[in-house]
Amino acid sequence: MKKVILTIITGLLCIGAHAQTTSPDTATANFVTKATKGGIMEVNSGKLAMQKGNSADVKSFGARMVADHTKANAELKSIVASKKWNIPEPSPTVVAPDAMLTSSTGSDFDRGYINIMVKDHKKTVMLFEHAATSSPDPQIKGFAAKTLPILKQHYTSIQQIANKLGIAYDK
């Protein structure tokens, strides 16, 4: 009888342990952390572009960043919550728009924003390409694969805007 009770208690403890938060493998945690941070930064910078952008193209691109990255952020957050992963949200100071953007105006803002968006999207595309092919978690792999074409569109669009406005950027 004691053995049966002990087995039941052990089973209940195991069930309780699965209900608690867990942690993904290191590579997945790094992807989620970087993707979350980058996504929130894109939303915050996009809002700033909508307000401070000098050109209609920059304002429109900022609005697209807010819409697309808000959607992707919510989807990634949902995946993390469903898995009960313990991955902390980045602090507001870490995801604030670049200080140069907050202090610049007019064409200086557009130039700075475009350069930041080109660099960020180049890095983000590489991050998502890696996760889409290498993530050990099928939901994260699927999320990255589904989001990647949108990120590639962002990267192409911001380069086209830079070319249209005659703004040089690092390739």
C-alpha atoms as a PDB file:
ATOM      1  CA  MET A   1       0.000   0.000   0.000  1.00  0.00           C
ATOM      2  CA  LYS A   2       2.826   2.401   0.872  1.00  0.00           C
ATOM      3  CA  LYS A   3       4.402   1.677  -2.505  1.00  0.00           C
ATOM      4  CA  VAL A   4       1.145   2.533  -4.315  1.00  0.00           C
ATOM      5  CA  ILE A   5       0.755   5.795  -2.404  1.00  0.00           C
ATOM      6  CA  LEU A   6       4.375   6.694  -3.048  1.00  0.00           C
ATOM      7  CA  THR A   7       3.895   6.001  -6.783  1.00  0.00           C
ATOM      8  CA  ILE A   8       0.775   8.199  -6.866  1.00  0.00           C
ATOM      9  CA  ILE A   9       2.546  11.042  -5.037  1.00  0.00           C
ATOM     10  CA  THR A  10       5.543  10.787  -7.378  1.00  0.00           C
ATOM     11  CA  GLY A  11       3.209  10.900 -10.369  1.00  0.00           C
ATOM     12  CA  LEU A  12       1.424  13.964  -9.034  1.00  0.00           C
ATOM     13  CA  LEU A  13       4.727  15.721  -8.414  1.00  0.00           C
ATOM     14  CA  CYS A  14       5.769  15.013 -11.995  1.00  0.00           C
ATOM     15  CA  ILE A  15       2.471  16.402 -13.300  1.00  0.00           C
ATOM     16  CA  GLY A  16       2.923  19.507 -11.150  1.00  0.00           C
ATOM     17  CA  ALA A  17       6.461  19.940 -12.435  1.00  0.00           C
ATOM     18  CA  HIS A  18       5.202  19.912 -16.026  1.00  0.00           C
ATOM     19  CA  ALA A  19       2.659  22.633 -15.229  1.00  0.00           C
ATOM     20  CA  GLN A  20       5.417  24.968 -14.086  1.00  0.00           C
ATOM     21  CA  THR A  21       7.464  27.137 -16.387  1.00  0.00           C
ATOM     22  CA  THR A  22      10.291  25.519 -18.298  1.00  0.00           C
ATOM     23  CA  SER A  23      13.215  26.652 -20.374  1.00  0.00           C
ATOM     24  CA  PRO A  24      13.906  25.826 -24.012  1.00  0.00           C
ATOM     25  CA  ASP A  25      17.332  24.792 -25.272  1.00  0.00           C
ATOM     26  CA  THR A  26      19.915  27.571 -25.376  1.00  0.00           C
ATOM     27  CA  ALA A  27      19.733  28.181 -29.142  1.00  0.00           C
ATOM     28  CA  THR A  28      15.941  28.486 -29.046  1.00  0.00           C
ATOM     29  CA  ALA A  29      16.057  30.771 -26.009  1.00  0.00           C
ATOM     30  CA  ASN A  30      18.605  32.984 -27.783  1.00  0.00           C
ATOM     31  CA  PHE A  31      16.443  33.153 -30.899  1.00  0.00           C
ATOM     32  CA  VAL A  32      13.309  34.016 -28.897  1.00  0.00           C
ATOM     33  CA  THR A  33      15.179  36.660 -26.898  1.00  0.00           C
ATOM     34  CA  LYS A  34      16.720  38.301 -29.984  1.00  0.00           C
ATOM     35  CA  ALA A  35      13.513  38.091 -32.024  1.00  0.00           C
ATOM     36  CA  THR A  36      11.454  39.558 -29.186  1.00  0.00           C
ATOM     37  CA  LYS A  37      13.892  42.391 -28.571  1.00  0.00           C
ATOM     38  CA  GLY A  38      14.192  43.170 -32.280  1.00  0.00           C
ATOM     39  CA  GLY A  39      10.456  43.008 -32.856  1.00  0.00           C
ATOM     40  CA  ILE A  40       9.669  45.407 -30.033  1.00  0.00           C
ATOM     41  CA  MET A  41      12.408  47.772 -31.193  1.00  0.00           C
ATOM     42  CA  GLU A  42      10.935  47.732 -34.719  1.00  0.00           C
ATOM     43  CA  VAL A  43       7.507  48.655 -33.344  1.00  0.00           C
ATOM     44  CA  ASN A  44       8.905  51.457 -31.182  1.00  0.00           C
ATOM     45  CA  SER A  45      11.084  52.846 -33.978  1.00  0.00           C
ATOM     46  CA  GLY A  46       8.209  52.478 -36.439  1.00  0.00           C
ATOM     47  CA  LYS A  47       5.963  54.580 -34.229  1.00  0.00           C
ATOM     48  CA  LEU A  48       8.669  57.221 -34.122  1.00  0.00           C
ATOM     49  CA  ALA A  49       8.982  57.095 -37.928  1.00  0.00           C
ATOM     50  CA  MET A  50       5.242  57.617 -38.262  1.00  0.00           C
ATOM     51  CA  GLN A  51       5.531  60.769 -36.150  1.00  0.00           C
ATOM     52  CA  LYS A  52       8.896  62.197 -37.179  1.00  0.00           C
ATOM     53  CA  GLY A  53       9.474  60.874 -40.682  1.00  0.00           C
ATOM     54  CA  ASN A  54      10.141  63.569 -43.242  1.00  0.00           C
ATOM     55  CA  SER A  55       9.112  61.542 -46.274  1.00  0.00           C
ATOM     56  CA  ALA A  56       5.791  59.824 -46.826  1.00  0.00           C
ATOM     57  CA  ASP A  57       7.704  56.631 -47.681  1.00  0.00           C
ATOM     58  CA  VAL A  58       9.450  56.609 -44.300  1.00  0.00           C
ATOM     59  CA  LYS A  59       6.169  57.263 -42.492  1.00  0.00           C
ATOM     60  CA  SER A  60       4.461  54.481 -44.443  1.00  0.00           C
ATOM     61  CA  PHE A  61       7.314  52.060 -43.793  1.00  0.00           C
ATOM     62  CA  GLY A  62       7.141  52.908 -40.085  1.00  0.00           C
ATOM     63  CA  ALA A  63       3.427  52.071 -40.073  1.00  0.00           C
ATOM     64  CA  ARG A  64       4.168  48.766 -41.783  1.00  0.00           C
ATOM     65  CA  MET A  65       6.795  47.989 -39.132  1.00  0.00           C
ATOM     66  CA  VAL A  66       4.269  48.646 -36.377  1.00  0.00           C
ATOM     67  CA  ALA A  67       1.628  46.430 -37.979  1.00  0.00           C
ATOM     68  CA  ASP A  68       3.824  43.529 -39.101  1.00  0.00           C
ATOM     69  CA  HIS A  69       6.067  43.359 -36.039  1.00  0.00           C
ATOM     70  CA  THR A  70       3.164  43.742 -33.606  1.00  0.00           C
ATOM     71  CA  LYS A  71       1.547  40.718 -35.242  1.00  0.00           C
ATOM     72  CA  ALA A  72       4.773  38.672 -35.221  1.00  0.00           C
ATOM     73  CA  ASN A  73       5.534  39.678 -31.621  1.00  0.00           C
ATOM     74  CA  ALA A  74       2.095  38.509 -30.506  1.00  0.00           C
ATOM     75  CA  GLU A  75       2.492  35.189 -32.309  1.00  0.00           C
ATOM     76  CA  LEU A  76       5.917  34.535 -30.792  1.00  0.00           C
ATOM     77  CA  LYS A  77       4.667  35.517 -27.341  1.00  0.00           C
ATOM     78  CA  SER A  78       1.766  33.072 -27.757  1.00  0.00           C
ATOM     79  CA  ILE A  79       4.149  30.242 -28.667  1.00  0.00           C
ATOM     80  CA  VAL A  80       6.347  30.975 -25.652  1.00  0.00           C
ATOM     81  CA  ALA A  81       3.317  31.140 -23.334  1.00  0.00           C
ATOM     82  CA  SER A  82       1.860  27.882 -24.680  1.00  0.00           C
ATOM     83  CA  LYS A  83       5.135  26.130 -23.912  1.00  0.00           C
ATOM     84  CA  LYS A  84       5.355  27.792 -20.487  1.00  0.00           C
ATOM     85  CA  TRP A  85       8.911  28.846 -21.241  1.00  0.00           C
ATOM     86  CA  ASN A  86      10.502  31.186 -18.763  1.00  0.00           C
ATOM     87  CA  ILE A  87      11.967  33.812 -21.087  1.00  0.00           C
ATOM     88  CA  PRO A  88      11.898  37.322 -19.615  1.00  0.00           C
ATOM     89  CA  GLU A  89      10.627  40.265 -21.627  1.00  0.00           C
ATOM     90  CA  PRO A  90      13.327  42.818 -22.488  1.00  0.00           C
ATOM     91  CA  SER A  91      13.330  45.956 -20.367  1.00  0.00           C
ATOM     92  CA  PRO A  92      11.874  49.127 -21.910  1.00  0.00           C
ATOM     93  CA  THR A  93      15.300  50.782 -22.011  1.00  0.00           C
ATOM     94  CA  VAL A  94      16.698  47.914 -24.098  1.00  0.00           C
ATOM     95  CA  VAL A  95      13.960  48.204 -26.732  1.00  0.00           C
ATOM     96  CA  ALA A  96      13.757  51.988 -26.890  1.00  0.00           C
ATOM     97  CA  PRO A  97      14.401  53.590 -30.277  1.00  0.00           C
ATOM     98  CA  ASP A  98      17.993  54.575 -30.986  1.00  0.00           C
ATOM     99  CA  ALA A  99      18.869  57.839 -29.219  1.00  0.00           C
ATOM    100  CA  MET A 100      19.994  59.316 -32.525  1.00  0.00           C
ATOM    101  CA  LEU A 101      16.464  58.858 -33.870  1.00  0.00           C
ATOM    102  CA  THR A 102      14.798  60.500 -30.903  1.00  0.00           C
ATOM    103  CA  SER A 103      16.994  63.580 -31.227  1.00  0.00           C
ATOM    104  CA  SER A 104      16.978  64.009 -35.013  1.00  0.00           C
ATOM    105  CA  THR A 105      14.392  65.589 -37.285  1.00  0.00           C
ATOM    106  CA  GLY A 106      13.606  66.002 -40.966  1.00  0.00           C
ATOM    107  CA  SER A 107      15.878  64.397 -43.524  1.00  0.00           C
ATOM    108  CA  ASP A 108      18.412  63.586 -40.776  1.00  0.00           C
ATOM    109  CA  PHE A 109      15.755  61.421 -39.132  1.00  0.00           C
ATOM    110  CA  ASP A 110      14.935  59.690 -42.424  1.00  0.00           C
ATOM    111  CA  ARG A 111      18.613  58.986 -43.122  1.00  0.00           C
ATOM    112  CA  GLY A 112      19.204  57.603 -39.628  1.00  0.00           C
ATOM    113  CA  TYR A 113      16.029  55.540 -39.609  1.00  0.00           C
ATOM    114  CA  ILE A 114      16.755  54.044 -43.025  1.00  0.00           C
ATOM    115  CA  ASN A 115      20.306  53.110 -42.052  1.00  0.00           C
ATOM    116  CA  ILE A 116      19.118  51.483 -38.840  1.00  0.00           C
ATOM    117  CA  MET A 117      16.335  49.592 -40.618  1.00  0.00           C
ATOM    118  CA  VAL A 118      18.704  48.275 -43.304  1.00  0.00           C
ATOM    119  CA  LYS A 119      21.196  47.018 -40.693  1.00  0.00           C
ATOM    120  CA  ASP A 120      18.510  45.600 -38.404  1.00  0.00           C
ATOM    121  CA  HIS A 121      16.654  43.789 -41.170  1.00  0.00           C
ATOM    122  CA  LYS A 122      19.842  42.324 -42.598  1.00  0.00           C
ATOM    123  CA  LYS A 123      20.646  40.834 -39.159  1.00  0.00           C
ATOM    124  CA  THR A 124      17.048  39.790 -38.556  1.00  0.00           C
ATOM    125  CA  VAL A 125      16.770  37.981 -41.887  1.00  0.00           C
ATOM    126  CA  MET A 126      19.912  35.995 -41.029  1.00  0.00           C
ATOM    127  CA  LEU A 127      18.571  35.214 -37.543  1.00  0.00           C
ATOM    128  CA  PHE A 128      15.248  33.953 -38.916  1.00  0.00           C
ATOM    129  CA  GLU A 129      16.907  32.011 -41.758  1.00  0.00           C
ATOM    130  CA  HIS A 130      18.972  30.132 -39.207  1.00  0.00           C
ATOM    131  CA  ALA A 131      15.961  29.417 -36.969  1.00  0.00           C
ATOM    132  CA  ALA A 132      13.837  28.352 -39.947  1.00  0.00           C
ATOM    133  CA  THR A 133      16.377  25.713 -40.903  1.00  0.00           C
ATOM    134  CA  SER A 134      18.021  24.774 -37.612  1.00  0.00           C
ATOM    135  CA  SER A 135      15.646  25.261 -34.694  1.00  0.00           C
ATOM    136  CA  PRO A 136      15.068  22.021 -32.787  1.00  0.00           C
ATOM    137  CA  ASP A 137      11.597  23.244 -31.814  1.00  0.00           C
ATOM    138  CA  PRO A 138       9.043  22.670 -34.610  1.00  0.00           C
ATOM    139  CA  GLN A 139       6.816  25.618 -33.599  1.00  0.00           C
ATOM    140  CA  ILE A 140       9.736  28.044 -33.510  1.00  0.00           C
ATOM    141  CA  LYS A 141      11.023  26.630 -36.794  1.00  0.00           C
ATOM    142  CA  GLY A 142       7.582  27.108 -38.352  1.00  0.00           C
ATOM    143  CA  PHE A 143       7.209  30.608 -36.939  1.00  0.00           C
ATOM    144  CA  ALA A 144      10.597  31.624 -38.321  1.00  0.00           C
ATOM    145  CA  ALA A 145       9.857  30.098 -41.742  1.00  0.00           C
ATOM    146  CA  LYS A 146       6.456  31.809 -41.920  1.00  0.00           C
ATOM    147  CA  THR A 147       7.818  35.210 -40.818  1.00  0.00           C
ATOM    148  CA  LEU A 148      10.957  35.157 -42.979  1.00  0.00           C
ATOM    149  CA  PRO A 149       9.321  36.208 -46.309  1.00  0.00           C
ATOM    150  CA  ILE A 150       7.809  39.266 -44.593  1.00  0.00           C
ATOM    151  CA  LEU A 151      11.188  40.236 -43.143  1.00  0.00           C
ATOM    152  CA  LYS A 152      12.798  39.848 -46.558  1.00  0.00           C
ATOM    153  CA  GLN A 153      10.107  42.153 -47.983  1.00  0.00           C
ATOM    154  CA  HIS A 154      10.928  44.709 -45.279  1.00  0.00           C
ATOM    155  CA  TYR A 155      14.630  44.491 -46.138  1.00  0.00           C
ATOM    156  CA  THR A 156      13.959  44.986 -49.852  1.00  0.00           C
ATOM    157  CA  SER A 157      11.450  47.787 -49.232  1.00  0.00           C
ATOM    158  CA  ILE A 158      13.752  49.830 -47.006  1.00  0.00           C
ATOM    159  CA  GLN A 159      16.569  49.523 -49.562  1.00  0.00           C
ATOM    160  CA  GLN A 160      14.195  50.728 -52.289  1.00  0.00           C
ATOM    161  CA  ILE A 161      13.143  53.688 -50.146  1.00  0.00           C
ATOM    162  CA  ALA A 162      16.793  54.556 -49.513  1.00  0.00           C
ATOM    163  CA  ASN A 163      17.538  54.418 -53.236  1.00  0.00           C
ATOM    164  CA  LYS A 164      14.464  56.511 -54.072  1.00  0.00           C
ATOM    165  CA  LEU A 165      15.474  59.169 -51.542  1.00  0.00           C
ATOM    166  CA  GLY A 166      19.130  59.052 -52.523  1.00  0.00           C
ATOM    167  CA  ILE A 167      20.235  57.900 -49.066  1.00  0.00           C
ATOM    168  CA  ALA A 168      23.394  55.833 -48.957  1.00  0.00           C
ATOM    169  CA  TYR A 169      23.415  52.848 -46.612  1.00  0.00           C
ATOM    170  CA  ASP A 170      25.771  50.045 -45.653  1.00  0.00           C
ATOM    171  CA  LYS A 171      25.050  46.873 -47.600  1.00  0.00           C
END
